[in-house]
Amino acid sequence: MKRIIIGILSIISFVLFSCNKSSSGGGSSTQPAQEPSIVFSIDASNASISPGSTFNVNVTLTSTMPSSSGIKITTTLSDQTNNISITQNPPLTSTAAKNSITLINLPQQHWCNATIRVSSVATPTNTSSQNFTVVYK
């Protein structure tokens, strides 16, 4: 009988402790609002042709700005012939919906794979990317 009472008290204590722990949430009952997903458009497409070693791309955020911290736009470029990465400008941080970026160091007569990645400054995992090909003729 003593074992049954101790067992029941142990179960009740465990249930009460579990309920208190989950409802406390570490001292704060409000959760931060989730940011809207990043959605953007670019004015470049596959098989873009550049007359020089640079190529301008307009990036337009079509979703709501994710936070007051803004967005970070990162560009990467690689040569299709040998898959070597080509150094680009550092990422651009902006709070504007429309931004102009420039791909640099395009090798002449080599197709390149370009990636434009837009992410939230406040939540770097909130990201989206688009790819296209470009050549300097």
Protein backbone atom coordinates (compact mmCIF):
# COMPACT_ATOMS: atom_id res chain seq x y z
CA MET A 1 0.00 0.00 0.00
CA LYS A 2 2.85 2.33 0.87
CA ARG A 3 4.44 1.65 -2.54
CA ILE A 4 1.19 2.47 -4.34
CA ILE A 5 0.83 5.82 -2.52
CA ILE A 6 4.49 6.71 -3.23
CA GLY A 7 4.00 5.70 -6.89
CA ILE A 8 0.86 7.83 -7.23
CA LEU A 9 2.54 10.82 -5.56
CA SER A 10 5.54 10.40 -7.87
CA ILE A 11 3.29 10.37 -10.95
CA ILE A 12 1.34 13.42 -9.73
CA SER A 13 4.58 15.30 -8.99
CA PHE A 14 5.95 14.43 -12.44
CA VAL A 15 2.76 15.59 -14.18
CA LEU A 16 2.64 18.85 -12.21
CA PHE A 17 6.33 19.54 -12.84
CA SER A 18 5.92 18.86 -16.57
CA CYS A 19 2.92 21.16 -16.83
CA ASN A 20 4.64 24.00 -15.01
CA LYS A 21 7.79 23.64 -17.07
CA SER A 22 6.05 23.79 -20.45
CA SER A 23 3.75 26.67 -19.57
CA SER A 24 6.52 28.86 -18.17
CA GLY A 25 8.40 28.97 -21.52
CA GLY A 26 11.55 30.31 -19.91
CA GLY A 27 9.88 33.38 -18.41
CA SER A 28 8.24 34.79 -21.54
CA SER A 29 4.83 33.77 -22.82
CA THR A 30 5.01 35.79 -26.05
CA GLN A 31 6.71 34.35 -29.12
CA PRO A 32 8.30 36.56 -31.76
CA ALA A 33 6.29 36.97 -34.93
CA GLN A 34 7.56 34.95 -37.84
CA GLU A 35 8.99 36.97 -40.72
CA PRO A 36 7.37 36.76 -44.14
CA SER A 37 9.28 34.53 -46.56
CA ILE A 38 11.69 36.28 -48.90
CA VAL A 39 10.39 36.58 -52.47
CA PHE A 40 12.21 38.60 -55.11
CA SER A 41 12.59 39.04 -58.86
CA ILE A 42 15.57 39.84 -61.08
CA ASP A 43 15.75 41.30 -64.57
CA ALA A 44 18.30 38.73 -65.80
CA SER A 45 17.57 35.40 -67.44
CA ASN A 46 19.47 32.36 -68.67
CA ALA A 47 21.76 33.08 -71.60
CA SER A 48 22.19 36.75 -70.70
CA ILE A 49 24.85 38.47 -72.79
CA SER A 50 27.13 41.16 -71.44
CA PRO A 51 29.05 43.53 -73.74
CA GLY A 52 31.80 43.88 -71.10
CA SER A 53 33.32 42.28 -68.03
CA THR A 54 30.52 43.59 -65.78
CA PHE A 55 26.81 42.83 -65.81
CA ASN A 56 24.14 44.86 -63.97
CA VAL A 57 21.16 43.11 -62.39
CA ASN A 58 18.15 44.75 -60.78
CA VAL A 59 16.89 42.90 -57.71
CA THR A 60 13.34 43.71 -56.58
CA LEU A 61 11.96 42.43 -53.28
CA THR A 62 8.33 41.49 -54.06
CA SER A 63 7.51 40.26 -50.56
CA THR A 64 7.22 42.44 -47.48
CA MET A 65 10.53 43.67 -46.10
CA PRO A 66 11.33 40.97 -43.51
CA SER A 67 12.41 43.33 -40.72
CA SER A 68 13.59 46.84 -40.01
CA SER A 69 17.13 45.47 -40.34
CA GLY A 70 16.50 44.87 -44.04
CA ILE A 71 17.90 42.33 -46.48
CA LYS A 72 21.33 41.14 -47.52
CA ILE A 73 21.98 40.47 -51.23
CA THR A 74 24.86 38.13 -52.01
CA THR A 75 26.15 37.29 -55.49
CA THR A 76 28.24 34.32 -56.55
CA LEU A 77 29.65 33.59 -59.97
CA SER A 78 31.43 30.51 -61.32
CA ASP A 79 32.96 29.72 -64.68
CA GLN A 80 31.10 26.83 -66.37
CA THR A 81 34.27 25.66 -68.14
CA ASN A 82 36.24 24.80 -64.99
CA ASN A 83 33.73 25.48 -62.17
CA ILE A 84 36.11 28.01 -60.57
CA SER A 85 34.49 30.67 -58.36
CA ILE A 86 34.98 34.23 -59.56
CA THR A 87 35.40 36.89 -56.88
CA GLN A 88 32.43 39.26 -56.57
CA ASN A 89 31.63 42.41 -54.62
CA PRO A 90 30.84 41.96 -50.90
CA PRO A 91 27.18 41.41 -49.96
CA LEU A 92 24.91 44.46 -50.09
CA THR A 93 22.72 45.24 -47.06
CA SER A 94 19.66 47.34 -47.85
CA THR A 95 16.25 48.40 -46.58
CA ALA A 96 15.07 49.34 -50.08
CA ALA A 97 12.81 47.05 -52.12
CA LYS A 98 14.67 47.81 -55.38
CA ASN A 99 18.43 47.39 -55.61
CA SER A 100 20.96 47.33 -58.42
CA ILE A 101 23.93 44.98 -58.18
CA THR A 102 26.82 44.43 -60.55
CA LEU A 103 28.50 41.14 -61.37
CA ILE A 104 32.21 41.77 -61.93
CA ASN A 105 35.22 39.97 -63.41
CA LEU A 106 33.30 38.13 -66.14
CA PRO A 107 35.81 36.15 -68.20
CA GLN A 108 35.53 36.79 -71.93
CA GLN A 109 33.91 34.03 -74.01
CA HIS A 110 33.14 31.82 -70.97
CA TRP A 111 29.62 31.02 -69.85
CA CYS A 112 29.19 31.65 -66.14
CA ASN A 113 26.64 30.52 -63.56
CA ALA A 114 25.39 33.40 -61.44
CA THR A 115 23.45 33.09 -58.20
CA ILE A 116 21.66 35.96 -56.48
CA ARG A 117 20.78 35.18 -52.86
CA VAL A 118 18.55 37.44 -50.77
CA SER A 119 18.29 36.84 -47.03
CA SER A 120 16.90 38.62 -44.00
CA VAL A 121 19.51 40.44 -41.94
CA ALA A 122 17.59 39.65 -38.74
CA THR A 123 16.91 35.99 -39.64
CA PRO A 124 19.64 34.68 -41.98
CA THR A 125 17.81 31.37 -42.46
CA ASN A 126 14.97 33.29 -44.16
CA THR A 127 16.51 33.22 -47.64
CA SER A 128 15.74 32.78 -51.30
CA SER A 129 17.96 32.49 -54.37
CA GLN A 130 17.77 32.62 -58.16
CA ASN A 131 20.24 31.41 -60.77
CA PHE A 132 20.97 32.38 -64.36
CA THR A 133 23.76 32.10 -66.92
CA VAL A 134 25.70 35.00 -68.40
CA VAL A 135 28.52 35.42 -70.92
CA TYR A 136 30.86 38.29 -71.77
CA LYS A 137 31.03 38.20 -75.61
